[in-house]
């Protein structure tokens, strides 16, 4: 029997218990290598449907399929061992009914081994959140700016600017929390509104373009590390410019290949000398 202690993965109850405590560190991950590098440093890895834009070059998250989310969710699980891994339910896989949502979420849980799912929507999705949580599927909510509703909203716009919008975001956050969500992502929400919601909500809020007062923060990793250059939201802080480094390295590689400086003999398989 192996004497190596198995690392325990952070659970959704542990995430929920961090309300008002040390801020939760969250980042997106879509691949095994990225998950391996992020896992030691974060509490939660989100396999976001943002992969549609970041990895596949779509204009929005809407074309992302459930099969795509499952494939990437399984890859992230293989690359992590301690972070809580949550997988987005993509557009069209859960909105029709609570039963549809359960079938989609059950596939995600069974085929990836992830700890839970995330879905967008407020009061209108509360019954679905309750349905899932009562059947053993942990749910993270997502309110405020909701990328899957980009066509209804008329674009990626911050919300909470009017009293009516602020009250709607508050009602949405309270509804999904009351329905059993273990945490709620607040995206693109005016700072005072996000701070106020955080103060009153019984579960952690995870901010993205929201407030420093949120119980945790999440960003798209490719934005953080300078790997996605199509658009940089104002709420992103870049901690590296790896995209520039990749371009520079590719340029040097191309120059060496064209000049026949690579490969050298040290990179080749040579015959063994006769004995």
Protein backbone atom coordinates (compact mmCIF):
# COMPACT_ATOMS: atom_id res chain seq x y z
CA UNK A 1 0.00 0.00 0.00
CA UNK A 2 1.32 3.45 -0.90
CA UNK A 3 2.31 5.64 2.03
CA UNK A 4 2.05 8.83 -0.04
CA UNK A 5 -0.71 11.02 1.37
CA UNK A 6 -3.35 11.90 -1.21
CA UNK A 7 -4.03 15.61 -1.53
CA UNK A 8 -7.64 16.43 -0.73
CA UNK A 9 -9.36 18.57 -3.31
CA UNK A 10 -11.07 21.72 -2.04
CA UNK A 11 -14.81 21.06 -1.77
CA UNK A 12 -17.78 23.30 -2.51
CA UNK A 13 -18.72 23.42 1.22
CA UNK A 14 -15.19 24.69 1.91
CA UNK A 15 -15.65 27.36 -0.75
CA UNK A 16 -18.97 28.35 0.84
CA UNK A 17 -17.36 28.51 4.30
CA UNK A 18 -14.97 31.22 3.10
CA UNK A 19 -17.72 33.83 3.24
CA UNK A 20 -16.20 36.92 4.86
CA UNK A 21 -12.85 35.17 5.38
CA UNK A 22 -9.63 35.14 3.34
CA UNK A 23 -10.52 36.05 -0.26
CA UNK A 24 -11.00 33.17 -2.68
CA UNK A 25 -8.46 33.01 -5.50
CA UNK A 26 -10.07 31.83 -8.73
CA UNK A 27 -8.88 31.61 -12.34
CA UNK A 28 -10.11 29.95 -15.51
CA UNK A 29 -8.43 26.89 -16.97
CA UNK A 30 -9.26 24.97 -20.14
CA UNK A 31 -6.30 22.62 -20.60
CA UNK A 32 -4.22 20.14 -18.61
CA UNK A 33 -0.93 22.12 -18.78
CA UNK A 34 -2.58 25.35 -17.61
CA UNK A 35 -4.37 23.54 -14.78
CA UNK A 36 -1.08 22.00 -13.64
CA UNK A 37 0.53 25.42 -13.35
CA UNK A 38 -2.39 27.16 -11.65
CA UNK A 39 -3.48 24.41 -9.27
CA UNK A 40 -0.93 25.07 -6.48
CA UNK A 41 -1.94 28.73 -6.25
CA UNK A 42 -5.73 28.89 -6.51
CA UNK A 43 -8.76 27.78 -4.54
CA UNK A 44 -11.03 27.32 -7.55
CA UNK A 45 -10.48 26.61 -11.24
CA UNK A 46 -13.38 27.50 -13.51
CA UNK A 47 -13.67 25.74 -16.84
CA UNK A 48 -15.53 28.68 -18.34
CA UNK A 49 -17.48 28.77 -21.57
CA UNK A 50 -15.22 31.74 -22.29
CA UNK A 51 -13.06 29.04 -23.90
CA UNK A 52 -15.23 29.59 -26.97
CA UNK A 53 -13.71 33.04 -27.45
CA UNK A 54 -10.28 32.42 -25.95
CA UNK A 55 -9.44 29.04 -27.52
CA UNK A 56 -11.80 28.68 -30.47
CA UNK A 57 -11.99 32.25 -31.77
CA UNK A 58 -15.77 32.63 -31.55
CA UNK A 59 -17.25 36.11 -31.24
CA UNK A 60 -19.23 35.06 -28.15
CA UNK A 61 -19.74 32.08 -25.85
CA UNK A 62 -22.97 31.05 -27.58
CA UNK A 63 -21.53 28.43 -30.00
CA UNK A 64 -19.93 26.43 -27.17
CA UNK A 65 -21.38 22.92 -26.79
CA UNK A 66 -21.80 20.63 -23.82
CA UNK A 67 -19.38 18.15 -25.37
CA UNK A 68 -16.74 20.88 -25.59
CA UNK A 69 -17.21 21.77 -21.92
CA UNK A 70 -16.97 18.14 -20.87
CA UNK A 71 -13.78 17.56 -22.88
CA UNK A 72 -12.07 20.60 -21.40
CA UNK A 73 -13.44 19.90 -17.91
CA UNK A 74 -11.91 16.44 -17.97
CA UNK A 75 -8.60 17.90 -19.16
CA UNK A 76 -8.52 20.37 -16.26
CA UNK A 77 -9.34 17.63 -13.78
CA UNK A 78 -6.40 15.60 -15.08
CA UNK A 79 -4.11 18.58 -14.55
CA UNK A 80 -5.22 19.52 -11.03
CA UNK A 81 -5.36 17.82 -7.67
CA UNK A 82 -6.19 20.39 -5.01
CA UNK A 83 -8.35 23.14 -6.52
CA UNK A 84 -12.12 22.95 -6.63
CA UNK A 85 -13.01 22.55 -10.32
CA UNK A 86 -16.29 24.00 -11.57
CA UNK A 87 -17.54 23.64 -15.15
CA UNK A 88 -19.85 26.08 -16.95
CA UNK A 89 -23.09 24.81 -18.43
CA UNK A 90 -23.10 26.29 -21.95
CA UNK A 91 -25.89 28.20 -23.63
CA UNK A 92 -28.87 26.04 -24.54
CA UNK A 93 -27.94 23.14 -22.26
CA UNK A 94 -30.02 24.13 -19.23
CA UNK A 95 -32.46 26.97 -19.90
CA UNK A 96 -35.34 24.89 -21.31
CA UNK A 97 -36.22 23.13 -18.06
CA UNK A 98 -34.85 21.96 -14.73
CA UNK A 99 -34.85 18.43 -16.12
CA UNK A 100 -32.71 19.47 -19.08
CA UNK A 101 -30.34 21.21 -16.69
CA UNK A 102 -30.07 18.08 -14.57
CA UNK A 103 -29.28 15.88 -17.55
CA UNK A 104 -26.56 18.29 -18.69
CA UNK A 105 -25.10 18.75 -15.22
CA UNK A 106 -25.18 15.03 -14.50
CA UNK A 107 -23.15 14.40 -17.67
CA UNK A 108 -20.62 17.03 -16.61
CA UNK A 109 -20.26 15.55 -13.14
CA UNK A 110 -20.06 11.95 -14.32
CA UNK A 111 -17.77 12.48 -17.31
CA UNK A 112 -15.33 15.00 -15.81
CA UNK A 113 -15.30 14.33 -12.07
CA UNK A 114 -15.66 18.07 -11.42
CA UNK A 115 -16.98 19.36 -8.11
CA UNK A 116 -19.94 21.28 -9.53
CA UNK A 117 -21.35 23.40 -12.31
CA UNK A 118 -21.94 27.10 -12.92
CA UNK A 119 -24.94 28.54 -14.69
CA UNK A 120 -26.00 32.04 -15.62
CA UNK A 121 -29.28 33.61 -14.55
CA UNK A 122 -30.99 35.09 -11.53
CA UNK A 123 -34.50 34.82 -10.21
CA UNK A 124 -35.68 33.07 -13.38
CA UNK A 125 -33.16 30.27 -12.77
CA UNK A 126 -33.71 29.90 -9.02
CA UNK A 127 -36.06 26.92 -9.39
CA UNK A 128 -33.48 25.17 -11.58
CA UNK A 129 -30.70 25.85 -9.06
CA UNK A 130 -32.90 24.37 -6.31
CA UNK A 131 -33.75 21.35 -8.49
CA UNK A 132 -30.06 20.62 -9.10
CA UNK A 133 -28.83 21.15 -5.56
CA UNK A 134 -31.59 18.93 -4.16
CA UNK A 135 -30.33 16.18 -6.47
CA UNK A 136 -26.69 16.33 -5.42
CA UNK A 137 -25.25 18.80 -7.93
CA UNK A 138 -23.43 21.78 -6.40
CA UNK A 139 -24.21 24.99 -8.28
CA UNK A 140 -22.34 28.28 -8.54
CA UNK A 141 -24.58 31.12 -9.68
CA UNK A 142 -23.67 33.92 -12.09
CA UNK A 143 -25.49 37.26 -12.15
CA UNK A 144 -24.89 40.81 -13.31
CA UNK A 145 -23.34 40.90 -16.77
CA UNK A 146 -24.20 37.51 -18.27
CA UNK A 147 -22.27 36.71 -21.47
CA UNK A 148 -24.82 34.13 -22.61
CA UNK A 149 -27.45 36.89 -22.67
CA UNK A 150 -25.27 39.25 -24.72
CA UNK A 151 -27.85 39.55 -27.50
CA UNK A 152 -30.62 40.54 -25.09
CA UNK A 153 -28.36 43.03 -23.29
CA UNK A 154 -27.13 44.55 -26.54
CA UNK A 155 -23.47 43.81 -25.88
CA UNK A 156 -21.00 43.33 -23.04
CA UNK A 157 -22.09 46.22 -20.81
CA UNK A 158 -21.71 46.78 -17.09
CA UNK A 159 -24.92 46.64 -15.11
CA UNK A 160 -26.22 48.28 -11.95
CA UNK A 161 -25.97 51.85 -13.27
CA UNK A 162 -29.61 52.63 -12.56
CA UNK A 163 -31.60 51.93 -9.40
CA UNK A 164 -33.71 49.47 -11.36
CA UNK A 165 -30.67 47.57 -12.64
CA UNK A 166 -29.06 47.56 -9.19
CA UNK A 167 -32.19 46.14 -7.59
CA UNK A 168 -32.46 43.49 -10.30
CA UNK A 169 -28.90 42.28 -9.74
CA UNK A 170 -29.56 42.18 -5.99
CA UNK A 171 -32.77 40.20 -6.45
CA UNK A 172 -31.01 37.79 -8.79
CA UNK A 173 -28.10 37.19 -6.39
CA UNK A 174 -30.42 36.70 -3.43
CA UNK A 175 -32.66 34.33 -5.40
CA UNK A 176 -29.90 31.94 -6.50
CA UNK A 177 -28.30 32.02 -3.05
CA UNK A 178 -31.62 31.17 -1.42
CA UNK A 179 -32.09 28.38 -3.96
CA UNK A 180 -28.92 26.68 -2.73
CA UNK A 181 -25.99 28.05 -4.76
CA UNK A 182 -22.73 27.65 -2.83
CA UNK A 183 -21.31 30.88 -4.35
CA UNK A 184 -22.33 33.57 -6.82
CA UNK A 185 -20.20 35.16 -9.52
CA UNK A 186 -20.86 38.91 -9.83
CA UNK A 187 -19.72 40.08 -13.25
CA UNK A 188 -19.58 43.58 -14.69
CA UNK A 189 -21.51 45.13 -11.81
CA UNK A 190 -21.08 48.70 -10.58
CA UNK A 191 -18.71 48.64 -7.59
CA UNK A 192 -21.03 50.04 -4.86
CA UNK A 193 -23.77 47.66 -5.97
CA UNK A 194 -21.45 44.64 -5.88
CA UNK A 195 -20.09 45.66 -2.46
CA UNK A 196 -23.60 46.05 -1.06
CA UNK A 197 -24.73 42.69 -2.44
CA UNK A 198 -21.64 41.02 -0.99
CA UNK A 199 -22.35 42.46 2.45
CA UNK A 200 -25.89 41.08 2.48
CA UNK A 201 -25.47 37.72 0.76
CA UNK A 202 -25.03 34.61 2.95
CA UNK A 203 -22.73 32.88 0.42
CA UNK A 204 -19.46 34.08 -1.10
CA UNK A 205 -19.49 36.44 -4.04
CA UNK A 206 -16.76 35.99 -6.64
CA UNK A 207 -16.12 39.23 -8.48
CA UNK A 208 -15.05 39.88 -12.04
CA UNK A 209 -15.29 43.56 -12.85
CA UNK A 210 -17.21 44.03 -9.62
CA UNK A 211 -15.66 45.08 -6.27
CA UNK A 212 -12.63 44.53 -4.02
CA UNK A 213 -15.21 43.81 -1.32
CA UNK A 214 -16.26 40.56 -3.01
CA UNK A 215 -15.36 37.37 -1.16
CA UNK A 216 -13.18 36.26 -4.06
CA UNK A 217 -11.93 37.30 -7.47
CA UNK A 218 -11.79 35.54 -10.82
CA UNK A 219 -10.24 36.46 -14.16
CA UNK A 220 -9.66 34.69 -17.46
CA UNK A 221 -6.12 33.32 -17.20
CA UNK A 222 -5.25 34.18 -20.79
CA UNK A 223 -6.11 37.82 -20.02
CA UNK A 224 -3.99 37.78 -16.86
CA UNK A 225 -0.94 36.32 -18.62
CA UNK A 226 -1.16 38.28 -21.86
CA UNK A 227 -2.10 35.32 -24.03
CA UNK A 228 -5.37 36.73 -25.40
CA UNK A 229 -4.93 40.00 -27.23
CA UNK A 230 -8.21 40.48 -29.11
CA UNK A 231 -9.74 42.52 -26.31
CA UNK A 232 -8.67 43.43 -22.78
CA UNK A 233 -11.50 44.46 -20.44
CA UNK A 234 -10.80 47.41 -18.16
CA UNK A 235 -11.12 45.19 -15.07
CA UNK A 236 -8.20 42.97 -16.11
CA UNK A 237 -4.72 43.43 -14.65
CA UNK A 238 -2.00 41.80 -16.72
CA UNK A 239 0.63 40.08 -14.62
CA UNK A 240 2.71 38.93 -17.62
CA UNK A 241 3.00 39.37 -21.38
CA UNK A 242 3.55 35.77 -22.37
CA UNK A 243 2.00 36.32 -25.78
CA UNK A 244 4.81 38.67 -26.73
CA UNK A 245 7.36 36.15 -25.47
CA UNK A 246 5.78 33.40 -27.58
CA UNK A 247 5.86 35.62 -30.68
CA UNK A 248 9.50 36.53 -30.08
CA UNK A 249 10.46 32.89 -29.54
CA UNK A 250 8.61 31.84 -32.72
CA UNK A 251 10.50 34.53 -34.66
CA UNK A 252 13.88 33.24 -33.46
CA UNK A 253 12.86 29.65 -34.23
CA UNK A 254 11.81 30.62 -37.75
CA UNK A 255 15.10 32.45 -38.33
CA UNK A 256 17.15 29.45 -37.16
CA UNK A 257 15.24 26.97 -39.30
CA UNK A 258 15.57 29.13 -42.42
CA UNK A 259 19.29 29.62 -41.77
CA UNK A 260 19.71 25.88 -41.07
CA UNK A 261 20.98 26.60 -37.58
CA UNK A 262 18.26 24.35 -36.17
CA UNK A 263 18.24 21.45 -35.77
CA UNK A 264 21.86 20.83 -34.86
CA UNK A 265 23.44 17.41 -34.58
CA UNK A 266 22.78 17.51 -30.85
CA UNK A 267 19.05 17.40 -31.63
CA UNK A 268 19.32 14.38 -33.93
CA UNK A 269 19.36 10.61 -33.40
CA UNK A 270 22.78 9.44 -34.61
CA UNK A 271 24.00 5.92 -35.34
CA UNK A 272 25.80 4.27 -32.47
CA UNK A 273 29.55 3.96 -33.08
CA UNK A 274 30.70 0.41 -33.91
CA UNK A 275 32.08 -1.58 -31.00
